[in-house]
Amino acid sequence: MTFSECYKAFKPEMQQDRVLMTSNEDAKQRVKYFRSSRRTINKINSDSSKTYTAEFNVFSMMTPAEKSSFTGLNVSKSRDHEEMKLRKRRRTRAVQLEERSTLNWYPSFTTEVKNQGSCGSCWSFAGITVLESRAAINEGTLRQYSEQEIIDCNSSGQECEGGWYSTVWSYVKSAGRLASEASYPYTGVKGSCRSGSVYSSLDKLITSYDDYGGWNEADLVSDLGSGPVAIAVNANDNFMDYASGIFNEAVDTSPNHAVVAVGYAPTFFYVRNSWGSNWGDGGYISLARGVCTSLTYSYYSAHIELFSNAKELEE
């Protein structure tokens, strides 16, 4: 693929994500980044040790700064961060669920894949995805809730510049409600809070939540037994180039992106991203188990417990 072909193919997505080619100098820079992406993609796809394939996508012509705007996880924003780094894994369930060989909450208990765009709001999307899915598991009804309300209205200053997913649950637990996606749609920029003037579709949902650091694959498998789990990964260039297969790269251990594990198989975890359905495998990526992948050593997981009587409010 040439630069011109790539730009023509992904120009609509770039414009939607507010990534624009503004000048001849800008175009020259993008050609440079495209050529670097092409070398990386060709190298991955010709390496027999890789168990995944890479492809050109909307990231192939972006600068490093632009790419970083599509992540947005800030570990320092996590609740009791210093304590979380030190404390051991705490179990809150009295009964441990029996591990299955495979488990997948997709598609029955997941909404359609969403797109955060160039707002560093992955934390909001991960938190909302877990909330949507676990509410559906409890109630049997799958609803879409508003990431934008969280970005506009949370009091922690976590917006498009990054945040932590438990901020979503803290906000909902305190407010006792949350707007639907339809009544408070996503704009991808910080706006004025409108929480008092929109339809609340969720009432008193969250009873408790917890997040914790450290890596233990068995813990994640166990947590997935009760529903999708928010996790932190390092979304490096190879991660962004992912197309299909099982991602088995060794990467930097510093997490920069929030995603949601929705299931597992003997060799991988099945993970939902927030870069739209055109990215990866329909918006998902399979992360290898048992090797130093983007998930290993970058594991900050979280779960929430829900009321069994979540209900819709009258408009």
Protein backbone atom coordinates (compact mmCIF):
# COMPACT_ATOMS: atom_id res chain seq x y z
CA MET A 1 0.00 0.00 0.00
CA THR A 2 1.24 3.48 -0.86
CA PHE A 3 0.83 6.58 1.26
CA SER A 4 -1.76 8.00 -1.13
CA GLU A 5 -3.79 4.78 -1.02
CA CYS A 6 -3.60 4.69 2.78
CA TYR A 7 -4.60 8.32 3.13
CA LYS A 8 -7.54 7.90 0.77
CA ALA A 9 -8.71 4.78 2.61
CA PHE A 10 -8.59 6.28 6.09
CA LYS A 11 -9.14 9.98 5.49
CA PRO A 12 -12.81 9.84 6.65
CA GLU A 13 -11.79 8.21 9.93
CA MET A 14 -8.95 10.68 10.44
CA GLN A 15 -11.31 13.60 9.88
CA GLN A 16 -13.86 12.09 12.26
CA ASP A 17 -11.14 11.74 14.87
CA ARG A 18 -9.96 15.33 14.28
CA VAL A 19 -6.63 14.21 12.83
CA LEU A 20 -6.05 16.47 9.83
CA MET A 21 -3.33 16.94 7.23
CA THR A 22 -2.93 20.71 7.36
CA SER A 23 0.07 21.57 5.18
CA ASN A 24 2.72 20.24 2.80
CA GLU A 25 5.15 19.99 5.72
CA ASP A 26 2.56 18.01 7.66
CA ALA A 27 2.11 15.70 4.68
CA LYS A 28 5.88 15.09 4.53
CA GLN A 29 5.89 14.13 8.21
CA ARG A 30 2.98 11.76 7.69
CA VAL A 31 4.75 10.08 4.79
CA LYS A 32 7.67 9.44 7.14
CA TYR A 33 5.43 7.88 9.79
CA PHE A 34 3.60 5.86 7.14
CA ARG A 35 6.85 4.38 5.86
CA SER A 36 7.83 3.47 9.41
CA SER A 37 4.44 1.78 9.90
CA ARG A 38 4.82 -0.10 6.62
CA ARG A 39 8.22 -1.46 7.66
CA THR A 40 6.81 -2.58 11.01
CA ILE A 41 3.72 -4.20 9.50
CA ASN A 42 5.74 -6.05 6.85
CA LYS A 43 8.20 -7.27 9.48
CA ILE A 44 5.42 -8.58 11.73
CA ASN A 45 3.61 -10.34 8.92
CA SER A 46 6.79 -12.05 7.69
CA ASP A 47 7.86 -13.25 11.16
CA SER A 48 6.79 -16.86 11.73
CA SER A 49 7.15 -16.45 15.51
CA LYS A 50 4.28 -13.97 15.57
CA THR A 51 0.87 -15.50 16.17
CA TYR A 52 -0.96 -12.43 14.95
CA THR A 53 -1.17 -10.29 11.83
CA ALA A 54 -0.83 -6.52 11.44
CA GLU A 55 -2.48 -4.15 8.99
CA PHE A 56 -2.67 -0.54 7.89
CA ASN A 57 -5.30 1.45 9.73
CA VAL A 58 -6.10 4.98 10.88
CA PHE A 59 -2.95 5.01 13.07
CA SER A 60 -0.56 4.29 10.20
CA MET A 61 -0.04 7.99 9.34
CA MET A 62 -0.25 9.49 12.82
CA THR A 63 2.46 11.20 14.85
CA PRO A 64 3.41 9.71 18.25
CA ALA A 65 1.59 12.57 19.99
CA GLU A 66 -1.57 11.91 17.98
CA LYS A 67 -1.41 8.20 18.76
CA SER A 68 -1.10 8.91 22.48
CA SER A 69 -4.37 10.87 22.40
CA PHE A 70 -6.16 7.61 21.57
CA THR A 71 -5.12 6.04 24.87
CA GLY A 72 -5.57 7.99 28.11
CA LEU A 73 -5.05 5.71 31.09
CA ASN A 74 -3.43 7.51 34.03
CA VAL A 75 -2.46 5.08 36.78
CA SER A 76 -1.74 7.93 39.20
CA LYS A 77 -5.46 8.78 39.08
CA SER A 78 -6.42 5.39 40.46
CA ARG A 79 -8.05 5.19 43.86
CA ASP A 80 -5.43 4.91 46.63
CA HIS A 81 -2.77 4.34 44.00
CA GLU A 82 0.19 3.95 46.34
CA GLU A 83 -1.73 1.58 48.58
CA MET A 84 -2.98 -0.35 45.54
CA LYS A 85 0.57 -0.95 44.34
CA LEU A 86 1.52 -2.52 47.64
CA ARG A 87 -1.49 -4.40 48.87
CA LYS A 88 -2.10 -8.00 48.02
CA ARG A 89 -5.06 -9.23 46.08
CA ARG A 90 -8.25 -9.09 48.13
CA ARG A 91 -11.08 -11.53 47.60
CA THR A 92 -14.59 -10.22 48.19
CA ARG A 93 -16.56 -13.18 46.90
CA ALA A 94 -17.35 -15.91 49.40
CA VAL A 95 -17.71 -18.51 46.68
CA GLN A 96 -15.10 -18.97 44.00
CA LEU A 97 -16.52 -19.71 40.59
CA GLU A 98 -15.34 -22.88 38.88
CA GLU A 99 -12.98 -22.12 36.02
CA ARG A 100 -14.12 -23.21 32.57
CA SER A 101 -11.83 -24.00 29.66
CA THR A 102 -13.40 -21.16 27.69
CA LEU A 103 -15.70 -18.26 28.58
CA ASN A 104 -16.95 -15.33 26.51
CA TRP A 105 -19.47 -12.66 27.51
CA TYR A 106 -19.44 -11.37 23.93
CA PRO A 107 -21.82 -10.83 22.17
CA SER A 108 -24.76 -11.60 24.46
CA PHE A 109 -23.75 -9.24 27.26
CA THR A 110 -21.80 -6.53 25.46
CA THR A 111 -22.99 -3.48 23.56
CA GLU A 112 -21.61 -2.60 20.13
CA VAL A 113 -17.98 -1.49 20.11
CA LYS A 114 -17.63 2.26 20.60
CA ASN A 115 -14.99 4.74 19.46
CA GLN A 116 -13.34 7.17 21.87
CA GLY A 117 -11.62 9.03 19.02
CA SER A 118 -8.74 11.36 19.85
CA CYS A 119 -10.07 12.13 23.34
CA GLY A 120 -7.96 10.29 25.94
CA SER A 121 -11.09 8.81 27.51
CA CYS A 122 -10.38 5.08 27.33
CA TRP A 123 -10.85 4.98 31.10
CA SER A 124 -14.46 6.19 30.76
CA PHE A 125 -15.23 3.67 28.00
CA ALA A 126 -13.72 0.78 29.97
CA GLY A 127 -15.65 1.72 33.11
CA ILE A 128 -18.93 2.11 31.21
CA THR A 129 -18.44 -1.17 29.31
CA VAL A 130 -18.05 -3.12 32.57
CA LEU A 131 -21.09 -1.37 34.01
CA GLU A 132 -23.24 -2.06 30.92
CA SER A 133 -22.30 -5.72 30.76
CA ARG A 134 -22.60 -6.52 34.44
CA ALA A 135 -25.96 -4.76 34.60
CA ALA A 136 -27.11 -6.88 31.66
CA ILE A 137 -25.87 -10.05 33.34
CA ASN A 138 -27.83 -9.13 36.50
CA GLU A 139 -30.95 -7.80 34.82
CA GLY A 140 -31.11 -9.50 31.43
CA THR A 141 -31.41 -6.18 29.58
CA LEU A 142 -28.51 -4.64 27.68
CA ARG A 143 -28.49 -0.83 27.73
CA GLN A 144 -25.97 1.76 26.60
CA TYR A 145 -24.87 4.39 29.12
CA SER A 146 -23.19 7.75 28.68
CA GLU A 147 -19.38 8.06 28.68
CA GLN A 148 -19.83 11.77 27.97
CA GLU A 149 -21.64 12.43 31.24
CA ILE A 150 -18.69 10.95 33.12
CA ILE A 151 -16.22 13.13 31.19
CA ASP A 152 -18.28 16.31 31.66
CA CYS A 153 -19.45 15.81 35.23
CA ASN A 154 -16.89 13.89 37.30
CA SER A 155 -15.28 16.00 40.02
CA SER A 156 -11.81 14.43 39.74
CA GLY A 157 -10.67 16.43 36.74
CA GLN A 158 -10.44 13.29 34.60
CA GLU A 159 -11.42 14.23 31.08
CA CYS A 160 -9.77 13.83 27.65
CA GLU A 161 -6.32 14.14 29.19
CA GLY A 162 -6.56 10.76 30.90
CA GLY A 163 -8.04 9.10 33.96
CA TRP A 164 -8.82 5.83 35.71
CA TYR A 165 -11.84 3.60 35.18
CA SER A 166 -13.01 3.40 38.77
CA THR A 167 -13.84 7.12 38.48
CA VAL A 168 -16.87 5.97 36.47
CA TRP A 169 -18.15 3.76 39.27
CA SER A 170 -17.38 6.30 41.97
CA TYR A 171 -19.39 8.91 40.08
CA VAL A 172 -22.37 6.59 39.52
CA LYS A 173 -22.34 5.32 43.08
CA SER A 174 -22.35 8.89 44.42
CA ALA A 175 -24.91 10.24 41.93
CA GLY A 176 -27.16 7.20 42.13
CA ARG A 177 -27.95 7.53 38.45
CA LEU A 178 -26.48 7.81 34.97
CA ALA A 179 -27.84 9.01 31.64
CA SER A 180 -28.33 6.78 28.64
CA GLU A 181 -26.03 7.15 25.66
CA ALA A 182 -28.99 8.33 23.56
CA SER A 183 -29.92 11.12 25.96
CA TYR A 184 -26.33 12.27 26.60
CA PRO A 185 -24.34 11.29 23.48
CA TYR A 186 -20.59 11.22 23.11
CA THR A 187 -18.86 14.27 21.60
CA GLY A 188 -15.21 13.46 22.29
CA VAL A 189 -14.50 16.80 23.97
CA LYS A 190 -15.01 18.10 27.49
CA GLY A 191 -18.31 19.98 27.76
CA SER A 192 -20.54 21.54 30.40
CA CYS A 193 -22.22 19.07 32.73
CA ARG A 194 -25.87 18.46 31.82
CA SER A 195 -26.59 15.68 34.31
CA GLY A 196 -29.60 17.48 35.80
CA SER A 197 -31.37 18.03 32.49
CA VAL A 198 -31.23 14.62 30.77
CA TYR A 199 -33.07 11.36 31.12
CA SER A 200 -31.59 9.08 33.77
CA SER A 201 -31.73 5.47 32.62
CA LEU A 202 -29.96 3.88 35.55
CA ASP A 203 -30.81 4.10 39.23
CA LYS A 204 -28.72 3.03 42.25
CA LEU A 205 -26.73 0.47 40.34
CA ILE A 206 -23.39 0.18 42.10
CA THR A 207 -23.09 -1.16 45.63
CA SER A 208 -19.30 -1.45 45.77
CA TYR A 209 -16.21 -1.64 43.61
CA ASP A 210 -12.51 -2.25 44.04
CA ASP A 211 -9.34 -2.01 41.99
CA TYR A 212 -5.98 -3.59 42.61
CA GLY A 213 -2.55 -3.91 41.05
CA GLY A 214 -0.17 -6.73 40.31
CA TRP A 215 -0.31 -9.63 37.89
CA ASN A 216 -2.03 -12.93 38.52
CA GLU A 217 -3.59 -14.62 35.53
CA ALA A 218 -5.66 -16.95 37.70
CA ASP A 219 -7.27 -13.98 39.42
CA LEU A 220 -8.35 -12.48 36.10
CA VAL A 221 -9.80 -15.82 34.97
CA SER A 222 -11.70 -16.06 38.24
CA ASP A 223 -13.00 -12.50 38.02
CA LEU A 224 -14.19 -13.08 34.47
CA GLY A 225 -16.45 -15.81 35.81
CA SER A 226 -18.86 -13.14 37.04
CA GLY A 227 -18.58 -10.69 34.14
CA PRO A 228 -16.27 -8.51 32.02
CA VAL A 229 -13.30 -6.92 33.80
CA ALA A 230 -11.55 -3.61 33.16
CA ILE A 231 -7.82 -4.03 32.67
CA ALA A 232 -4.83 -1.82 31.88
CA VAL A 233 -2.46 -2.55 28.99
CA ASN A 234 0.40 -0.93 27.14
CA ALA A 235 -0.94 -0.01 23.70
CA ASN A 236 2.30 0.40 21.77
CA ASP A 237 2.69 0.72 17.98
CA ASN A 238 2.46 -3.04 17.41
CA PHE A 239 -0.74 -3.16 19.46
CA MET A 240 -2.18 -0.36 17.33
CA ASP A 241 -1.26 -2.25 14.14
CA TYR A 242 -3.06 -5.43 15.27
CA ALA A 243 -5.43 -7.05 12.77
CA SER A 244 -6.15 -10.64 13.85
CA GLY A 245 -4.76 -13.67 15.67
CA ILE A 246 -3.25 -13.88 19.15
CA PHE A 247 -1.11 -10.88 20.09
CA ASN A 248 2.08 -12.32 21.64
CA GLU A 249 4.41 -9.32 21.78
CA ALA A 250 6.69 -8.43 24.67
CA VAL A 251 6.16 -4.72 25.33
CA ASP A 252 6.92 -2.01 27.85
CA THR A 253 5.35 -2.78 31.21
CA SER A 254 3.90 0.69 31.86
CA PRO A 255 0.14 0.67 31.17
CA ASN A 256 -1.24 3.55 29.13
CA HIS A 257 -4.60 2.28 27.91
CA ALA A 258 -7.80 0.92 29.48
CA VAL A 259 -9.63 -1.95 27.82
CA VAL A 260 -12.04 -4.66 28.95
CA ALA A 261 -11.44 -8.40 29.13
CA VAL A 262 -14.67 -10.14 28.09
CA GLY A 263 -13.56 -13.77 28.01
CA TYR A 264 -10.77 -16.29 27.71
CA ALA A 265 -9.66 -19.50 26.00
CA PRO A 266 -6.77 -21.81 26.92
CA THR A 267 -4.26 -19.66 25.03
CA PHE A 268 -5.60 -16.10 25.18
CA PHE A 269 -7.81 -13.46 26.78
CA TYR A 270 -10.46 -11.91 24.54
CA VAL A 271 -10.34 -8.13 24.97
CA ARG A 272 -12.61 -5.31 23.82
CA ASN A 273 -11.07 -2.00 22.79
CA SER A 274 -12.62 1.47 22.31
CA TRP A 275 -11.24 2.34 18.86
CA GLY A 276 -14.33 1.41 16.86
CA SER A 277 -15.23 -1.79 15.03
CA ASN A 278 -12.88 -1.04 12.10
CA TRP A 279 -9.84 -1.57 14.33
CA GLY A 280 -8.45 -5.03 14.99
CA ASP A 281 -10.77 -8.02 14.93
CA GLY A 282 -14.06 -6.13 14.81
CA GLY A 283 -12.88 -3.88 17.65
CA TYR A 284 -11.41 -6.74 19.71
CA ILE A 285 -7.95 -8.18 20.30
CA SER A 286 -6.83 -11.59 21.61
CA LEU A 287 -3.98 -11.24 24.13
CA ALA A 288 -1.76 -14.28 24.67
CA ARG A 289 -1.83 -16.03 28.03
CA GLY A 290 1.32 -17.17 29.77
CA VAL A 291 3.77 -14.84 27.98
CA CYS A 292 4.98 -11.29 28.49
CA THR A 293 2.37 -9.54 26.42
CA SER A 294 0.90 -6.09 26.70
CA LEU A 295 -1.30 -7.47 29.46
CA THR A 296 1.30 -9.24 31.58
CA TYR A 297 2.98 -7.08 34.23
CA SER A 298 0.63 -4.23 33.32
CA TYR A 299 -2.35 -5.69 35.08
CA TYR A 300 -4.59 -3.38 37.06
CA SER A 301 -7.98 -4.99 37.21
CA ALA A 302 -11.26 -3.88 38.68
CA HIS A 303 -14.68 -5.33 39.36
CA ILE A 304 -17.98 -3.93 40.57
CA GLU A 305 -20.92 -5.35 42.48
CA LEU A 306 -24.41 -4.37 41.45
CA PHE A 307 -27.84 -4.06 42.95
CA SER A 308 -30.21 -6.68 41.57
CA ASN A 309 -32.99 -4.10 41.23
CA ALA A 310 -31.49 -1.58 38.83
CA LYS A 311 -34.39 0.04 37.06
CA GLU A 312 -35.29 2.66 34.52
CA LEU A 313 -36.62 5.94 35.82
CA GLU A 314 -39.56 7.83 34.43
CA GLU A 315 -38.58 10.63 32.08
